[in-house]
Amino acid sequence: STKAQVVYLPGDGDPKCIPSLPVPQKGALCDFLHRQLGRSFTQHQWNQTPFSWEYGGATILLQPVEAMGRTWAHLTLVIANREPEEFDFLLLDRASLSLAQEILRTRFSEERKLHLENLWVNDLIHDRIKNEEHIRALIGPPVKDRSDLFYRVCLIEIAPAAEDVTLPEKELEMAR
């Protein structure tokens, strides 16, 4: 154990502190980190990772969590009462790589799910779904816990095929 404060700064979402910090301390630390990241970015110091700063008598090490040419988050160690050691740098590097792998795995799963849902909608549009069993197989097993219940909504608007063909208002409304 490094006995250091760990701060995870996702690109979108709330920062996570382990062990947790009181709200005022967490806010002050995160504000400092965001200011420093902005300064480092404007000074083009991104090739010197991990970053290192002094903050309130402690040393802060910050490592970007990068994958596929994008920075997804930042991982920070706040080391108090001692100088950072090689182990701290190695730990930060390994942890950021593990987080990048997990983020990519999660993104891949989300993209795959979205692709399967798009296939389902495409089959529905092209009238390839012929019976209820096929629909149930595509939707998946029934959910026992209502908190995990989700919905799929598909809005399909059909435009007339030619300009001279007009549908009665009632049929047009039914098609929508």
C-alpha atoms as a PDB file:
ATOM      1  CA  SER A   1       0.000   0.000   0.000  1.00  0.00           C
ATOM      2  CA  THR A   2       1.236   3.447  -0.841  1.00  0.00           C
ATOM      3  CA  LYS A   3      -0.853   5.066   1.923  1.00  0.00           C
ATOM      4  CA  ALA A   4      -1.668   7.801  -0.576  1.00  0.00           C
ATOM      5  CA  GLN A   5      -4.917   9.510  -1.469  1.00  0.00           C
ATOM      6  CA  VAL A   6      -6.163   8.349  -4.882  1.00  0.00           C
ATOM      7  CA  VAL A   7      -8.279  10.654  -7.030  1.00  0.00           C
ATOM      8  CA  TYR A   8      -9.952   9.491 -10.237  1.00  0.00           C
ATOM      9  CA  LEU A   9     -10.937  12.373 -12.540  1.00  0.00           C
ATOM     10  CA  PRO A  10     -13.136  11.045 -15.351  1.00  0.00           C
ATOM     11  CA  GLY A  11     -13.525  13.077 -18.515  1.00  0.00           C
ATOM     12  CA  ASP A  12     -17.243  13.265 -17.810  1.00  0.00           C
ATOM     13  CA  GLY A  13     -18.684  12.694 -14.380  1.00  0.00           C
ATOM     14  CA  ASP A  14     -17.809  13.342 -10.777  1.00  0.00           C
ATOM     15  CA  PRO A  15     -14.316  12.769  -9.394  1.00  0.00           C
ATOM     16  CA  LYS A  16     -13.867   9.808  -7.050  1.00  0.00           C
ATOM     17  CA  CYS A  17     -11.582   9.939  -4.007  1.00  0.00           C
ATOM     18  CA  ILE A  18     -10.267   6.871  -2.188  1.00  0.00           C
ATOM     19  CA  PRO A  19     -10.370   7.112   0.767  1.00  0.00           C
ATOM     20  CA  SER A  20     -13.198   9.602   0.503  1.00  0.00           C
ATOM     21  CA  LEU A  21     -12.533  13.206   1.404  1.00  0.00           C
ATOM     22  CA  PRO A  22     -14.847  15.765   2.995  1.00  0.00           C
ATOM     23  CA  VAL A  23     -16.654  17.806   0.324  1.00  0.00           C
ATOM     24  CA  PRO A  24     -14.681  21.067   0.886  1.00  0.00           C
ATOM     25  CA  GLN A  25     -11.306  19.287   0.671  1.00  0.00           C
ATOM     26  CA  LYS A  26     -12.392  17.265  -2.356  1.00  0.00           C
ATOM     27  CA  GLY A  27     -13.610  20.421  -4.116  1.00  0.00           C
ATOM     28  CA  ALA A  28     -10.402  22.329  -3.389  1.00  0.00           C
ATOM     29  CA  LEU A  29      -8.203  19.449  -4.551  1.00  0.00           C
ATOM     30  CA  CYS A  30     -10.206  18.904  -7.741  1.00  0.00           C
ATOM     31  CA  ASP A  31     -10.185  22.637  -8.520  1.00  0.00           C
ATOM     32  CA  PHE A  32      -6.404  22.660  -8.098  1.00  0.00           C
ATOM     33  CA  LEU A  33      -6.025  19.622 -10.368  1.00  0.00           C
ATOM     34  CA  HIS A  34      -8.235  21.120 -13.087  1.00  0.00           C
ATOM     35  CA  ARG A  35      -6.280  24.393 -12.962  1.00  0.00           C
ATOM     36  CA  GLN A  36      -2.980  22.535 -13.199  1.00  0.00           C
ATOM     37  CA  LEU A  37      -4.219  20.399 -16.081  1.00  0.00           C
ATOM     38  CA  GLY A  38      -5.243  23.536 -17.939  1.00  0.00           C
ATOM     39  CA  ARG A  39      -1.825  25.107 -17.371  1.00  0.00           C
ATOM     40  CA  SER A  40       0.021  21.963 -18.440  1.00  0.00           C
ATOM     41  CA  PHE A  41      -2.081  21.717 -21.574  1.00  0.00           C
ATOM     42  CA  THR A  42      -1.391  25.323 -22.548  1.00  0.00           C
ATOM     43  CA  GLN A  43       2.331  24.855 -21.867  1.00  0.00           C
ATOM     44  CA  HIS A  44       2.462  21.639 -23.997  1.00  0.00           C
ATOM     45  CA  GLN A  45       3.918  19.505 -21.219  1.00  0.00           C
ATOM     46  CA  TRP A  46       1.830  16.427 -22.131  1.00  0.00           C
ATOM     47  CA  ASN A  47       4.901  14.407 -23.115  1.00  0.00           C
ATOM     48  CA  GLN A  48       6.200  14.554 -19.519  1.00  0.00           C
ATOM     49  CA  THR A  49       3.898  12.095 -17.732  1.00  0.00           C
ATOM     50  CA  PRO A  50       3.194  11.546 -14.966  1.00  0.00           C
ATOM     51  CA  PHE A  51       2.827  15.161 -13.946  1.00  0.00           C
ATOM     52  CA  SER A  52       4.089  16.192 -10.532  1.00  0.00           C
ATOM     53  CA  TRP A  53       3.048  19.185  -8.395  1.00  0.00           C
ATOM     54  CA  GLU A  54       3.285  20.340  -4.808  1.00  0.00           C
ATOM     55  CA  TYR A  55      -0.009  20.919  -3.011  1.00  0.00           C
ATOM     56  CA  GLY A  56      -0.448  21.695   0.685  1.00  0.00           C
ATOM     57  CA  GLY A  57       2.776  19.991   1.758  1.00  0.00           C
ATOM     58  CA  ALA A  58       2.054  16.899  -0.348  1.00  0.00           C
ATOM     59  CA  THR A  59       3.268  15.775  -3.745  1.00  0.00           C
ATOM     60  CA  ILE A  60       0.666  15.117  -6.423  1.00  0.00           C
ATOM     61  CA  LEU A  61       1.380  12.664  -9.215  1.00  0.00           C
ATOM     62  CA  LEU A  62      -1.086  12.661 -12.102  1.00  0.00           C
ATOM     63  CA  GLN A  63      -1.223  10.140 -14.934  1.00  0.00           C
ATOM     64  CA  PRO A  64      -3.608  10.418 -17.900  1.00  0.00           C
ATOM     65  CA  VAL A  65      -5.746   7.346 -18.643  1.00  0.00           C
ATOM     66  CA  GLU A  66      -5.299   7.113 -22.395  1.00  0.00           C
ATOM     67  CA  ALA A  67      -6.555   4.684 -24.998  1.00  0.00           C
ATOM     68  CA  MET A  68      -6.893   4.871 -28.761  1.00  0.00           C
ATOM     69  CA  GLY A  69      -5.404   8.360 -28.907  1.00  0.00           C
ATOM     70  CA  ARG A  70      -7.871   9.839 -26.445  1.00  0.00           C
ATOM     71  CA  THR A  71      -7.585  10.827 -22.790  1.00  0.00           C
ATOM     72  CA  TRP A  72     -10.583   9.289 -20.974  1.00  0.00           C
ATOM     73  CA  ALA A  73      -9.658  10.281 -17.428  1.00  0.00           C
ATOM     74  CA  HIS A  74      -6.802  11.174 -15.086  1.00  0.00           C
ATOM     75  CA  LEU A  75      -5.549   9.166 -12.134  1.00  0.00           C
ATOM     76  CA  THR A  76      -3.890  10.986  -9.257  1.00  0.00           C
ATOM     77  CA  LEU A  77      -1.865   9.999  -6.208  1.00  0.00           C
ATOM     78  CA  VAL A  78      -1.560  12.549  -3.399  1.00  0.00           C
ATOM     79  CA  ILE A  79       1.528  11.533  -1.432  1.00  0.00           C
ATOM     80  CA  ALA A  80       1.975  13.209   1.947  1.00  0.00           C
ATOM     81  CA  ASN A  81       4.888  13.043   4.405  1.00  0.00           C
ATOM     82  CA  ARG A  82       7.380  11.478   1.979  1.00  0.00           C
ATOM     83  CA  GLU A  83       8.938  11.799  -1.453  1.00  0.00           C
ATOM     84  CA  PRO A  84       7.449   9.780  -4.331  1.00  0.00           C
ATOM     85  CA  GLU A  85       9.305   6.542  -5.011  1.00  0.00           C
ATOM     86  CA  GLU A  86       9.711   4.482  -8.176  1.00  0.00           C
ATOM     87  CA  PHE A  87       6.992   2.131  -6.893  1.00  0.00           C
ATOM     88  CA  ASP A  88       4.499   5.034  -6.863  1.00  0.00           C
ATOM     89  CA  PHE A  89       5.267   5.855 -10.495  1.00  0.00           C
ATOM     90  CA  LEU A  90       5.018   2.208 -11.560  1.00  0.00           C
ATOM     91  CA  LEU A  91       1.773   1.750  -9.635  1.00  0.00           C
ATOM     92  CA  LEU A  92       0.244   4.838 -11.239  1.00  0.00           C
ATOM     93  CA  ASP A  93       1.287   3.706 -14.720  1.00  0.00           C
ATOM     94  CA  ARG A  94      -0.077   0.169 -14.248  1.00  0.00           C
ATOM     95  CA  ALA A  95      -3.333   1.404 -12.720  1.00  0.00           C
ATOM     96  CA  SER A  96      -3.909   3.869 -15.583  1.00  0.00           C
ATOM     97  CA  LEU A  97      -3.328   1.081 -18.127  1.00  0.00           C
ATOM     98  CA  SER A  98      -5.793  -1.176 -16.295  1.00  0.00           C
ATOM     99  CA  LEU A  99      -8.384   1.600 -16.186  1.00  0.00           C
ATOM    100  CA  ALA A 100      -7.902   2.262 -19.902  1.00  0.00           C
ATOM    101  CA  GLN A 101      -8.490  -1.436 -20.645  1.00  0.00           C
ATOM    102  CA  GLU A 102     -11.649  -1.458 -18.538  1.00  0.00           C
ATOM    103  CA  ILE A 103     -12.957   1.709 -20.187  1.00  0.00           C
ATOM    104  CA  LEU A 104     -12.358   0.231 -23.639  1.00  0.00           C
ATOM    105  CA  ARG A 105     -14.016  -3.035 -22.639  1.00  0.00           C
ATOM    106  CA  THR A 106     -17.066  -1.138 -21.369  1.00  0.00           C
ATOM    107  CA  ARG A 107     -17.231   1.053 -24.483  1.00  0.00           C
ATOM    108  CA  PHE A 108     -16.950  -2.012 -26.720  1.00  0.00           C
ATOM    109  CA  SER A 109     -19.825  -3.702 -24.873  1.00  0.00           C
ATOM    110  CA  GLU A 110     -21.972  -0.564 -25.198  1.00  0.00           C
ATOM    111  CA  GLU A 111     -21.211  -0.263 -28.910  1.00  0.00           C
ATOM    112  CA  ARG A 112     -21.982  -3.942 -29.464  1.00  0.00           C
ATOM    113  CA  LYS A 113     -25.304  -3.601 -27.640  1.00  0.00           C
ATOM    114  CA  LEU A 114     -26.182  -0.526 -29.701  1.00  0.00           C
ATOM    115  CA  HIS A 115     -25.297  -2.372 -32.907  1.00  0.00           C
ATOM    116  CA  LEU A 116     -27.561  -5.302 -31.953  1.00  0.00           C
ATOM    117  CA  GLU A 117     -30.398  -2.901 -31.138  1.00  0.00           C
ATOM    118  CA  ASN A 118     -29.933  -1.207 -34.518  1.00  0.00           C
ATOM    119  CA  LEU A 119     -30.133  -4.608 -36.220  1.00  0.00           C
ATOM    120  CA  TRP A 120     -33.360  -5.302 -34.324  1.00  0.00           C
ATOM    121  CA  VAL A 121     -34.893  -2.015 -35.476  1.00  0.00           C
ATOM    122  CA  ASN A 122     -33.697  -2.649 -39.037  1.00  0.00           C
ATOM    123  CA  ASP A 123     -35.342  -6.099 -39.003  1.00  0.00           C
ATOM    124  CA  LEU A 124     -38.519  -4.522 -37.681  1.00  0.00           C
ATOM    125  CA  ILE A 125     -38.543  -1.848 -40.388  1.00  0.00           C
ATOM    126  CA  HIS A 126     -37.965  -4.348 -43.199  1.00  0.00           C
ATOM    127  CA  ASP A 127     -40.625  -6.741 -41.878  1.00  0.00           C
ATOM    128  CA  ARG A 128     -38.153  -9.581 -41.243  1.00  0.00           C
ATOM    129  CA  ILE A 129     -39.642 -10.343 -37.840  1.00  0.00           C
ATOM    130  CA  LYS A 130     -42.482 -12.767 -38.387  1.00  0.00           C
ATOM    131  CA  ASN A 131     -43.531 -14.061 -34.964  1.00  0.00           C
ATOM    132  CA  GLU A 132     -43.579 -13.241 -31.264  1.00  0.00           C
ATOM    133  CA  GLU A 133     -40.902 -15.812 -30.384  1.00  0.00           C
ATOM    134  CA  HIS A 134     -38.452 -14.089 -32.703  1.00  0.00           C
ATOM    135  CA  ILE A 135     -39.183 -10.731 -31.025  1.00  0.00           C
ATOM    136  CA  ARG A 136     -38.743 -12.222 -27.547  1.00  0.00           C
ATOM    137  CA  ALA A 137     -35.434 -13.786 -28.587  1.00  0.00           C
ATOM    138  CA  LEU A 138     -34.161 -10.420 -29.821  1.00  0.00           C
ATOM    139  CA  ILE A 139     -35.353  -8.511 -26.746  1.00  0.00           C
ATOM    140  CA  GLY A 140     -33.860 -11.002 -24.304  1.00  0.00           C
ATOM    141  CA  PRO A 141     -35.120 -12.803 -21.209  1.00  0.00           C
ATOM    142  CA  PRO A 142     -37.786 -11.191 -19.036  1.00  0.00           C
ATOM    143  CA  VAL A 143     -36.541  -8.977 -16.225  1.00  0.00           C
ATOM    144  CA  LYS A 144     -37.493 -10.127 -12.715  1.00  0.00           C
ATOM    145  CA  ASP A 145     -36.414  -6.980 -10.894  1.00  0.00           C
ATOM    146  CA  ARG A 146     -38.351  -3.913 -12.051  1.00  0.00           C
ATOM    147  CA  SER A 147     -35.427  -1.602 -11.185  1.00  0.00           C
ATOM    148  CA  ASP A 148     -33.510  -3.160 -14.105  1.00  0.00           C
ATOM    149  CA  LEU A 149     -36.426  -2.735 -16.513  1.00  0.00           C
ATOM    150  CA  PHE A 150     -35.625  -0.826 -19.686  1.00  0.00           C
ATOM    151  CA  TYR A 151     -37.618   0.185 -22.727  1.00  0.00           C
ATOM    152  CA  ARG A 152     -36.977   0.468 -26.414  1.00  0.00           C
ATOM    153  CA  VAL A 153     -38.875   3.099 -28.328  1.00  0.00           C
ATOM    154  CA  CYS A 154     -38.733   3.273 -32.078  1.00  0.00           C
ATOM    155  CA  LEU A 155     -40.402   6.136 -33.945  1.00  0.00           C
ATOM    156  CA  ILE A 156     -40.863   5.543 -37.635  1.00  0.00           C
ATOM    157  CA  GLU A 157     -42.249   8.243 -39.890  1.00  0.00           C
ATOM    158  CA  ILE A 158     -43.231   7.144 -43.358  1.00  0.00           C
ATOM    159  CA  ALA A 159     -43.202   9.730 -46.111  1.00  0.00           C
ATOM    160  CA  PRO A 160     -45.350   9.287 -49.221  1.00  0.00           C
ATOM    161  CA  ALA A 161     -43.426   7.647 -52.079  1.00  0.00           C
ATOM    162  CA  ALA A 162     -44.305  10.293 -54.677  1.00  0.00           C
ATOM    163  CA  GLU A 163     -45.417  13.882 -54.457  1.00  0.00           C
ATOM    164  CA  ASP A 164     -48.645  13.266 -56.338  1.00  0.00           C
ATOM    165  CA  VAL A 165     -49.694  10.465 -53.971  1.00  0.00           C
ATOM    166  CA  THR A 166     -51.506  11.816 -50.948  1.00  0.00           C
ATOM    167  CA  LEU A 167     -52.826   9.781 -48.080  1.00  0.00           C
ATOM    168  CA  PRO A 168     -55.930  10.718 -46.189  1.00  0.00           C
ATOM    169  CA  GLU A 169     -55.083  12.448 -42.902  1.00  0.00           C
ATOM    170  CA  LYS A 170     -56.374   9.477 -40.880  1.00  0.00           C
ATOM    171  CA  GLU A 171     -54.104   6.977 -42.693  1.00  0.00           C
ATOM    172  CA  LEU A 172     -51.138   9.339 -42.453  1.00  0.00           C
ATOM    173  CA  GLU A 173     -51.661   9.653 -38.705  1.00  0.00           C
ATOM    174  CA  MET A 174     -51.891   5.858 -38.361  1.00  0.00           C
ATOM    175  CA  ALA A 175     -48.629   5.463 -40.307  1.00  0.00           C
ATOM    176  CA  ARG A 176     -46.879   7.748 -37.879  1.00  0.00           C
END
